[in-house]
Structures are given as structure tokens and as C-alpha cells.
């Protein structure tokens, strides 16, 4: 297993909102759960990310099922300090949240290693970002999964289900490297669009997806239960061949 680079005690920072995102895993409830499976096309070697940036030692590689526990160990929590005003079908200004509070997707949803117990993941991809052999980030890509409404039953769309970075490595280009690796993964499978879901409380993630070239795909204030008090925001990027 890969060692996970960890932040010291008390180093969880609100600026991590730029690099953590999670789909709440809302699915078509009329579909049965698929049997446990493992990705058939995952290899542990080839580097998918080639473009240099200010972290030249970062490598983005596929993760094997045996490495997913290390992926799970990366914190995904972030500090909510603001949220978008939703005006019809568009995003308005960001209003401050007082007092700020911590959002931790792992407390309300499945960790990456648990997806196989809920979904058919034989076509999914798991990517890891490593620095000097230490795991500093991860991403999960759902592909050919008809139970995901965002994929519309199509086989040419990919859904980025999870993106997380070790807190002390946030804001240092790891998210960009993982996104670029995800785009490469999609193109190798003939996908024409990459989609990702986040929420109105994850302002930093929305800004990150805009920087990655995504356009606003949809806004749905009714996607989640009222008690959650969050608005679903879906971003999409058309992929050039």
C-alpha cells in the first residue's frame, strides 16, 4: 500500500474547498444494486498526467483495489465559510456563512473503497496523485454506470464522483493534475464529456471546476432531502478528441 502524506494535528484548513468535492451518490432507486466487482481495466503503472507544473514530482497513476483503503484515509472535510445565492437557473453572489462549519462528505456518504458494495464498478477508474511515493490525492471516475442519473444511460459520459487532496497539499496544483489525469482517462475510453456534481456550499470547488474549463450544466434545489439544506450544482466539460 502507498503511504499517505498527512497533515499534522490542527492543520485542517478552509482553503481546501478548492480541491475537495463529492457527489452525494443520488441514484435511480428503481434499479437493483449490482454485485461486488473490481475494475477490470485498472493497472498500477502508467502515468496519465504529462503536463508539467510547479509540482514536477507529482505523478498521477491508476490505483488498484488493494490501494483504496489508502485513498479512503485522505481527509475530504473542508470549512464552509460561504455559499452561493441561487437565482433561478443561475448562481448569484456568494454570501458569508456565520458561523462557519465543517462539511465532511465521508460522514454522510460512502468512502471510495465502499463503492463496489453499491455499484457495478467494473468500468470505473481510481486515480492517485503521488509525490515521492506518498499518496497526496485521489479521484474516482464512474463510467458506464446506468444507475447514475448524471450519465443519462449513455456510454460516452464520465462522472467524477470523488476528488480529495491531503490538507497540507491543497492549493499546490494537485487538484489540477488529478483533473488533467481524469481527462486523459476519459479520452482513452472515448468519452465526450466529463461531469461533476457539487453543492452551493462548496464555493471553492465550483471556482476550481470553472478554472478547469467546465460550464454550468444544471442547478437543482430539490435534488437532496430538505434537511440537508444544500443545492445540487452540476458542472460539465466537453472533451476534445
C-alpha atoms as a PDB file:
ATOM      1  CA  UNK A   1       0.000   0.000   0.000  1.00  0.00           C
ATOM      2  CA  UNK A   2       1.022   3.596  -0.593  1.00  0.00           C
ATOM      3  CA  UNK A   3       1.875   5.696   2.459  1.00  0.00           C
ATOM      4  CA  UNK A   4      -0.481   8.630   2.832  1.00  0.00           C
ATOM      5  CA  UNK A   5       1.045  12.063   3.387  1.00  0.00           C
ATOM      6  CA  UNK A   6      -0.738  13.528   6.380  1.00  0.00           C
ATOM      7  CA  UNK A   7      -1.177  16.987   7.812  1.00  0.00           C
ATOM      8  CA  UNK A   8      -0.242  17.494  11.443  1.00  0.00           C
ATOM      9  CA  UNK A   9      -2.836  17.915  14.158  1.00  0.00           C
ATOM     10  CA  UNK A  10      -4.871  21.065  13.754  1.00  0.00           C
ATOM     11  CA  UNK A  11      -3.792  21.671  10.143  1.00  0.00           C
ATOM     12  CA  UNK A  12      -7.204  21.187   8.514  1.00  0.00           C
ATOM     13  CA  UNK A  13      -7.728  24.374   6.539  1.00  0.00           C
ATOM     14  CA  UNK A  14     -10.707  26.066   4.939  1.00  0.00           C
ATOM     15  CA  UNK A  15      -8.759  26.757   1.746  1.00  0.00           C
ATOM     16  CA  UNK A  16      -9.180  23.061   0.954  1.00  0.00           C
ATOM     17  CA  UNK A  17     -12.530  23.958  -0.613  1.00  0.00           C
ATOM     18  CA  UNK A  18     -10.676  24.474  -3.873  1.00  0.00           C
ATOM     19  CA  UNK A  19      -9.766  20.821  -4.150  1.00  0.00           C
ATOM     20  CA  UNK A  20     -12.346  18.639  -2.428  1.00  0.00           C
ATOM     21  CA  UNK A  21     -15.604  17.576  -3.985  1.00  0.00           C
ATOM     22  CA  UNK A  22     -18.024  14.739  -3.561  1.00  0.00           C
ATOM     23  CA  UNK A  23     -21.140  13.516  -5.266  1.00  0.00           C
ATOM     24  CA  UNK A  24     -23.877  12.686  -2.752  1.00  0.00           C
ATOM     25  CA  UNK A  25     -24.493   9.451  -4.697  1.00  0.00           C
ATOM     26  CA  UNK A  26     -28.131  10.092  -5.514  1.00  0.00           C
ATOM     27  CA  UNK A  27     -29.116   7.211  -7.772  1.00  0.00           C
ATOM     28  CA  UNK A  28     -32.114   5.749  -9.500  1.00  0.00           C
ATOM     29  CA  UNK A  29     -33.857   3.958  -6.685  1.00  0.00           C
ATOM     30  CA  UNK A  30     -35.745   1.630  -9.031  1.00  0.00           C
ATOM     31  CA  UNK A  31     -32.515  -0.102 -10.033  1.00  0.00           C
ATOM     32  CA  UNK A  32     -31.188  -3.078  -8.027  1.00  0.00           C
ATOM     33  CA  UNK A  33     -27.733  -2.930  -6.529  1.00  0.00           C
ATOM     34  CA  UNK A  34     -25.075  -4.596  -8.612  1.00  0.00           C
ATOM     35  CA  UNK A  35     -22.919  -7.425  -7.285  1.00  0.00           C
ATOM     36  CA  UNK A  36     -19.493  -6.575  -5.919  1.00  0.00           C
ATOM     37  CA  UNK A  37     -16.941  -6.125  -8.675  1.00  0.00           C
ATOM     38  CA  UNK A  38     -13.465  -4.735  -9.163  1.00  0.00           C
ATOM     39  CA  UNK A  39     -12.217  -2.585 -12.025  1.00  0.00           C
ATOM     40  CA  UNK A  40     -11.159  -4.866 -14.864  1.00  0.00           C
ATOM     41  CA  UNK A  41      -9.011  -2.269 -16.630  1.00  0.00           C
ATOM     42  CA  UNK A  42      -7.011  -0.867 -13.706  1.00  0.00           C
ATOM     43  CA  UNK A  43      -3.256  -1.081 -13.937  1.00  0.00           C
ATOM     44  CA  UNK A  44      -0.746   0.156 -11.362  1.00  0.00           C
ATOM     45  CA  UNK A  45       1.850   1.622 -13.667  1.00  0.00           C
ATOM     46  CA  UNK A  46       1.319   4.120 -16.480  1.00  0.00           C
ATOM     47  CA  UNK A  47       1.437   7.828 -15.703  1.00  0.00           C
ATOM     48  CA  UNK A  48      -1.705   9.501 -17.054  1.00  0.00           C
ATOM     49  CA  UNK A  49      -0.712  13.108 -16.373  1.00  0.00           C
ATOM     50  CA  UNK A  50       2.053  14.547 -18.528  1.00  0.00           C
ATOM     51  CA  UNK A  51       1.785  18.333 -18.378  1.00  0.00           C
ATOM     52  CA  UNK A  52       4.424  19.956 -16.141  1.00  0.00           C
ATOM     53  CA  UNK A  53       3.512  22.494 -13.458  1.00  0.00           C
ATOM     54  CA  UNK A  54       5.047  23.838 -10.269  1.00  0.00           C
ATOM     55  CA  UNK A  55       4.969  20.336  -8.730  1.00  0.00           C
ATOM     56  CA  UNK A  56       7.103  18.413 -11.266  1.00  0.00           C
ATOM     57  CA  UNK A  57       7.469  15.421  -8.926  1.00  0.00           C
ATOM     58  CA  UNK A  58       3.714  14.717  -8.895  1.00  0.00           C
ATOM     59  CA  UNK A  59       2.657  11.545 -10.697  1.00  0.00           C
ATOM     60  CA  UNK A  60      -0.953  10.626 -11.431  1.00  0.00           C
ATOM     61  CA  UNK A  61      -1.380   6.869 -11.682  1.00  0.00           C
ATOM     62  CA  UNK A  62      -4.256   4.388 -11.597  1.00  0.00           C
ATOM     63  CA  UNK A  63      -4.984   2.871  -8.181  1.00  0.00           C
ATOM     64  CA  UNK A  64      -5.649  -0.828  -7.752  1.00  0.00           C
ATOM     65  CA  UNK A  65      -8.431  -2.080  -5.451  1.00  0.00           C
ATOM     66  CA  UNK A  66      -5.837  -3.030  -2.824  1.00  0.00           C
ATOM     67  CA  UNK A  67      -4.855   0.662  -2.574  1.00  0.00           C
ATOM     68  CA  UNK A  68      -8.310   2.100  -1.969  1.00  0.00           C
ATOM     69  CA  UNK A  69      -8.004   1.955   1.826  1.00  0.00           C
ATOM     70  CA  UNK A  70      -5.098   4.404   1.497  1.00  0.00           C
ATOM     71  CA  UNK A  71      -7.314   6.606  -0.675  1.00  0.00           C
ATOM     72  CA  UNK A  72     -10.072   6.466   1.971  1.00  0.00           C
ATOM     73  CA  UNK A  73      -7.617   7.782   4.569  1.00  0.00           C
ATOM     74  CA  UNK A  74      -7.240  11.145   2.777  1.00  0.00           C
ATOM     75  CA  UNK A  75      -9.464  13.701   4.553  1.00  0.00           C
ATOM     76  CA  UNK A  76     -12.199  15.303   2.469  1.00  0.00           C
ATOM     77  CA  UNK A  77     -13.586  17.695   5.103  1.00  0.00           C
ATOM     78  CA  UNK A  78     -13.488  21.444   4.473  1.00  0.00           C
ATOM     79  CA  UNK A  79     -14.654  24.607   6.201  1.00  0.00           C
ATOM     80  CA  UNK A  80     -17.844  26.181   4.847  1.00  0.00           C
ATOM     81  CA  UNK A  81     -17.430  29.950   5.032  1.00  0.00           C
ATOM     82  CA  UNK A  82     -19.822  30.993   2.266  1.00  0.00           C
ATOM     83  CA  UNK A  83     -22.479  29.735  -0.112  1.00  0.00           C
ATOM     84  CA  UNK A  84     -23.935  30.802  -3.440  1.00  0.00           C
ATOM     85  CA  UNK A  85     -27.261  32.551  -3.715  1.00  0.00           C
ATOM     86  CA  UNK A  86     -29.264  30.596  -6.284  1.00  0.00           C
ATOM     87  CA  UNK A  87     -31.296  32.820  -8.576  1.00  0.00           C
ATOM     88  CA  UNK A  88     -33.475  30.783 -10.875  1.00  0.00           C
ATOM     89  CA  UNK A  89     -31.185  28.688 -13.017  1.00  0.00           C
ATOM     90  CA  UNK A  90     -28.023  30.630 -12.281  1.00  0.00           C
ATOM     91  CA  UNK A  91     -25.571  31.220  -9.478  1.00  0.00           C
ATOM     92  CA  UNK A  92     -25.684  34.570  -7.765  1.00  0.00           C
ATOM     93  CA  UNK A  93     -23.237  36.161  -5.385  1.00  0.00           C
ATOM     94  CA  UNK A  94     -21.527  34.371  -2.500  1.00  0.00           C
ATOM     95  CA  UNK A  95     -22.915  35.180   0.934  1.00  0.00           C
ATOM     96  CA  UNK A  96     -20.961  34.615   4.135  1.00  0.00           C
ATOM     97  CA  UNK A  97     -21.876  31.733   6.440  1.00  0.00           C
ATOM     98  CA  UNK A  98     -21.783  32.726  10.106  1.00  0.00           C
ATOM     99  CA  UNK A  99     -20.646  30.813  11.985  1.00  0.00           C
ATOM    100  CA  UNK A 100     -18.551  28.721   9.588  1.00  0.00           C
ATOM    101  CA  UNK A 101     -18.970  24.969   9.872  1.00  0.00           C
ATOM    102  CA  UNK A 102     -17.155  21.856   8.707  1.00  0.00           C
ATOM    103  CA  UNK A 103     -18.558  19.719   5.910  1.00  0.00           C
ATOM    104  CA  UNK A 104     -17.316  16.130   5.799  1.00  0.00           C
ATOM    105  CA  UNK A 105     -18.724  14.091   2.924  1.00  0.00           C
ATOM    106  CA  UNK A 106     -17.371  10.855   4.391  1.00  0.00           C
ATOM    107  CA  UNK A 107     -19.794  11.206   7.316  1.00  0.00           C
ATOM    108  CA  UNK A 108     -22.849  11.219   5.055  1.00  0.00           C
ATOM    109  CA  UNK A 109     -21.768   9.132   2.063  1.00  0.00           C
ATOM    110  CA  UNK A 110     -19.748   6.102   1.027  1.00  0.00           C
ATOM    111  CA  UNK A 111     -15.940   6.202   1.089  1.00  0.00           C
ATOM    112  CA  UNK A 112     -14.224   5.215  -2.185  1.00  0.00           C
ATOM    113  CA  UNK A 113     -13.448   1.637  -1.121  1.00  0.00           C
ATOM    114  CA  UNK A 114     -17.155   1.108  -0.405  1.00  0.00           C
ATOM    115  CA  UNK A 115     -18.472   1.894  -3.880  1.00  0.00           C
ATOM    116  CA  UNK A 116     -18.125  -1.729  -5.001  1.00  0.00           C
ATOM    117  CA  UNK A 117     -20.751  -2.808  -2.457  1.00  0.00           C
ATOM    118  CA  UNK A 118     -23.292  -0.417  -4.002  1.00  0.00           C
ATOM    119  CA  UNK A 119     -22.493  -0.174  -7.692  1.00  0.00           C
ATOM    120  CA  UNK A 120     -21.124  -2.090 -10.642  1.00  0.00           C
ATOM    121  CA  UNK A 121     -17.625  -0.561 -10.755  1.00  0.00           C
ATOM    122  CA  UNK A 122     -16.038  -2.814 -13.362  1.00  0.00           C
ATOM    123  CA  UNK A 123     -15.664   0.145 -15.734  1.00  0.00           C
ATOM    124  CA  UNK A 124     -14.773   2.768 -13.118  1.00  0.00           C
ATOM    125  CA  UNK A 125     -11.397   4.367 -12.643  1.00  0.00           C
ATOM    126  CA  UNK A 126      -9.473   5.291  -9.497  1.00  0.00           C
ATOM    127  CA  UNK A 127      -6.568   7.715  -9.829  1.00  0.00           C
ATOM    128  CA  UNK A 128      -3.952   8.615  -7.257  1.00  0.00           C
ATOM    129  CA  UNK A 129      -1.569  11.581  -7.130  1.00  0.00           C
ATOM    130  CA  UNK A 130       1.771  10.702  -5.577  1.00  0.00           C
ATOM    131  CA  UNK A 131       4.805  12.735  -4.532  1.00  0.00           C
ATOM    132  CA  UNK A 132       7.967  10.771  -3.786  1.00  0.00           C
ATOM    133  CA  UNK A 133       5.884   7.616  -3.493  1.00  0.00           C
ATOM    134  CA  UNK A 134       3.417   9.103  -0.997  1.00  0.00           C
ATOM    135  CA  UNK A 135      -0.274   9.377  -1.830  1.00  0.00           C
ATOM    136  CA  UNK A 136      -1.378  13.037  -1.691  1.00  0.00           C
ATOM    137  CA  UNK A 137      -4.675  12.930  -3.588  1.00  0.00           C
ATOM    138  CA  UNK A 138      -7.214  10.734  -5.319  1.00  0.00           C
ATOM    139  CA  UNK A 139     -10.097  10.809  -7.787  1.00  0.00           C
ATOM    140  CA  UNK A 140     -12.904   8.386  -8.652  1.00  0.00           C
ATOM    141  CA  UNK A 141     -14.462   8.204 -12.121  1.00  0.00           C
ATOM    142  CA  UNK A 142     -17.798   6.484 -12.789  1.00  0.00           C
ATOM    143  CA  UNK A 143     -18.253   5.192 -16.317  1.00  0.00           C
ATOM    144  CA  UNK A 144     -20.935   3.039 -17.957  1.00  0.00           C
ATOM    145  CA  UNK A 145     -22.996   3.088 -14.770  1.00  0.00           C
ATOM    146  CA  UNK A 146     -26.698   3.380 -15.702  1.00  0.00           C
ATOM    147  CA  UNK A 147     -27.688   3.891 -12.055  1.00  0.00           C
ATOM    148  CA  UNK A 148     -26.205   7.406 -12.166  1.00  0.00           C
ATOM    149  CA  UNK A 149     -28.758   9.919 -13.425  1.00  0.00           C
ATOM    150  CA  UNK A 150     -25.984  12.304 -14.473  1.00  0.00           C
ATOM    151  CA  UNK A 151     -24.773   9.749 -17.029  1.00  0.00           C
ATOM    152  CA  UNK A 152     -28.241   9.557 -18.628  1.00  0.00           C
ATOM    153  CA  UNK A 153     -27.721   5.903 -19.513  1.00  0.00           C
ATOM    154  CA  UNK A 154     -25.049   6.919 -22.038  1.00  0.00           C
ATOM    155  CA  UNK A 155     -21.684   5.240 -22.518  1.00  0.00           C
ATOM    156  CA  UNK A 156     -19.809   8.343 -23.655  1.00  0.00           C
ATOM    157  CA  UNK A 157     -20.105  10.365 -20.428  1.00  0.00           C
ATOM    158  CA  UNK A 158     -17.949  10.107 -17.296  1.00  0.00           C
ATOM    159  CA  UNK A 159     -18.892  11.278 -13.820  1.00  0.00           C
ATOM    160  CA  UNK A 160     -16.198  12.451 -11.402  1.00  0.00           C
ATOM    161  CA  UNK A 161     -17.611  11.043  -8.175  1.00  0.00           C
ATOM    162  CA  UNK A 162     -14.861  11.981  -5.725  1.00  0.00           C
ATOM    163  CA  UNK A 163     -11.832  14.277  -5.622  1.00  0.00           C
ATOM    164  CA  UNK A 164      -9.757  14.715  -2.468  1.00  0.00           C
ATOM    165  CA  UNK A 165      -6.359  16.117  -1.531  1.00  0.00           C
ATOM    166  CA  UNK A 166      -4.293  15.745   1.647  1.00  0.00           C
ATOM    167  CA  UNK A 167      -4.859  19.058   3.543  1.00  0.00           C
ATOM    168  CA  UNK A 168      -1.233  20.184   3.566  1.00  0.00           C
ATOM    169  CA  UNK A 169      -1.028  19.680  -0.220  1.00  0.00           C
ATOM    170  CA  UNK A 170      -4.169  21.669  -1.056  1.00  0.00           C
ATOM    171  CA  UNK A 171      -3.630  24.748  -3.176  1.00  0.00           C
ATOM    172  CA  UNK A 172      -0.406  23.361  -4.691  1.00  0.00           C
ATOM    173  CA  UNK A 173      -1.648  22.121  -8.057  1.00  0.00           C
ATOM    174  CA  UNK A 174      -2.557  18.546  -7.074  1.00  0.00           C
ATOM    175  CA  UNK A 175      -6.223  19.004  -7.965  1.00  0.00           C
ATOM    176  CA  UNK A 176      -5.278  20.306 -11.408  1.00  0.00           C
ATOM    177  CA  UNK A 177      -3.007  17.318 -12.006  1.00  0.00           C
ATOM    178  CA  UNK A 178      -5.758  14.897 -10.999  1.00  0.00           C
ATOM    179  CA  UNK A 179      -8.254  16.693 -13.233  1.00  0.00           C
ATOM    180  CA  UNK A 180      -5.883  16.503 -16.189  1.00  0.00           C
ATOM    181  CA  UNK A 181      -5.331  12.814 -15.482  1.00  0.00           C
ATOM    182  CA  UNK A 182      -9.104  12.331 -15.374  1.00  0.00           C
ATOM    183  CA  UNK A 183      -9.490  13.993 -18.776  1.00  0.00           C
ATOM    184  CA  UNK A 184      -6.859  11.657 -20.230  1.00  0.00           C
ATOM    185  CA  UNK A 185      -8.614   8.649 -18.683  1.00  0.00           C
ATOM    186  CA  UNK A 186     -11.900   9.768 -20.268  1.00  0.00           C
ATOM    187  CA  UNK A 187     -10.437  10.272 -23.732  1.00  0.00           C
ATOM    188  CA  UNK A 188      -8.826   6.835 -23.694  1.00  0.00           C
ATOM    189  CA  UNK A 189     -12.344   5.399 -23.297  1.00  0.00           C
ATOM    190  CA  UNK A 190     -13.962   7.530 -25.962  1.00  0.00           C
ATOM    191  CA  UNK A 191     -15.898   9.761 -23.573  1.00  0.00           C
ATOM    192  CA  UNK A 192     -17.016  13.123 -24.938  1.00  0.00           C
ATOM    193  CA  UNK A 193     -17.902  14.850 -21.661  1.00  0.00           C
ATOM    194  CA  UNK A 194     -16.772  14.846 -18.038  1.00  0.00           C
ATOM    195  CA  UNK A 195     -19.351  15.816 -15.412  1.00  0.00           C
ATOM    196  CA  UNK A 196     -19.041  16.544 -11.717  1.00  0.00           C
ATOM    197  CA  UNK A 197     -21.571  17.306  -9.009  1.00  0.00           C
ATOM    198  CA  UNK A 198     -21.038  19.618  -6.080  1.00  0.00           C
ATOM    199  CA  UNK A 199     -23.168  21.900  -3.915  1.00  0.00           C
ATOM    200  CA  UNK A 200     -23.837  25.589  -3.294  1.00  0.00           C
ATOM    201  CA  UNK A 201     -21.865  25.402  -0.033  1.00  0.00           C
ATOM    202  CA  UNK A 202     -18.681  24.278  -1.818  1.00  0.00           C
ATOM    203  CA  UNK A 203     -17.745  27.594  -3.374  1.00  0.00           C
ATOM    204  CA  UNK A 204     -14.087  26.720  -3.773  1.00  0.00           C
ATOM    205  CA  UNK A 205     -14.890  23.541  -5.706  1.00  0.00           C
ATOM    206  CA  UNK A 206     -17.152  25.482  -8.061  1.00  0.00           C
ATOM    207  CA  UNK A 207     -14.370  28.006  -8.707  1.00  0.00           C
ATOM    208  CA  UNK A 208     -11.930  25.147  -9.308  1.00  0.00           C
ATOM    209  CA  UNK A 209     -14.177  23.494 -11.916  1.00  0.00           C
ATOM    210  CA  UNK A 210     -14.600  26.810 -13.701  1.00  0.00           C
ATOM    211  CA  UNK A 211     -10.820  27.140 -13.874  1.00  0.00           C
ATOM    212  CA  UNK A 212     -10.621  23.639 -15.325  1.00  0.00           C
ATOM    213  CA  UNK A 213     -12.843  24.765 -18.207  1.00  0.00           C
ATOM    214  CA  UNK A 214     -16.198  23.447 -17.005  1.00  0.00           C
ATOM    215  CA  UNK A 215     -19.509  25.140 -17.780  1.00  0.00           C
ATOM    216  CA  UNK A 216     -22.535  25.168 -15.530  1.00  0.00           C
ATOM    217  CA  UNK A 217     -24.707  22.213 -16.562  1.00  0.00           C
ATOM    218  CA  UNK A 218     -27.611  22.348 -14.109  1.00  0.00           C
ATOM    219  CA  UNK A 219     -28.824  23.588 -10.730  1.00  0.00           C
ATOM    220  CA  UNK A 220     -31.357  21.590  -8.728  1.00  0.00           C
ATOM    221  CA  UNK A 221     -32.569  22.891  -5.337  1.00  0.00           C
ATOM    222  CA  UNK A 222     -34.722  19.753  -4.873  1.00  0.00           C
ATOM    223  CA  UNK A 223     -32.070  17.076  -5.516  1.00  0.00           C
ATOM    224  CA  UNK A 224     -31.458  16.371  -1.814  1.00  0.00           C
ATOM    225  CA  UNK A 225     -33.651  15.939   1.229  1.00  0.00           C
ATOM    226  CA  UNK A 226     -34.757  19.261   2.790  1.00  0.00           C
ATOM    227  CA  UNK A 227     -32.843  18.539   5.997  1.00  0.00           C
ATOM    228  CA  UNK A 228     -29.554  18.713   4.095  1.00  0.00           C
ATOM    229  CA  UNK A 229     -30.240  22.321   3.056  1.00  0.00           C
ATOM    230  CA  UNK A 230     -27.938  22.177   0.037  1.00  0.00           C
ATOM    231  CA  UNK A 231     -28.437  22.866  -3.673  1.00  0.00           C
ATOM    232  CA  UNK A 232     -27.062  20.458  -6.259  1.00  0.00           C
ATOM    233  CA  UNK A 233     -24.756  22.078  -8.817  1.00  0.00           C
ATOM    234  CA  UNK A 234     -23.516  20.082 -11.807  1.00  0.00           C
ATOM    235  CA  UNK A 235     -20.573  21.160 -13.941  1.00  0.00           C
ATOM    236  CA  UNK A 236     -19.579  19.663 -17.292  1.00  0.00           C
ATOM    237  CA  UNK A 237     -16.646  19.875 -19.672  1.00  0.00           C
ATOM    238  CA  UNK A 238     -16.767  18.866 -23.305  1.00  0.00           C
ATOM    239  CA  UNK A 239     -13.652  16.870 -24.164  1.00  0.00           C
ATOM    240  CA  UNK A 240     -11.812  17.490 -27.394  1.00  0.00           C
ATOM    241  CA  UNK A 241     -10.678  14.299 -29.176  1.00  0.00           C
END
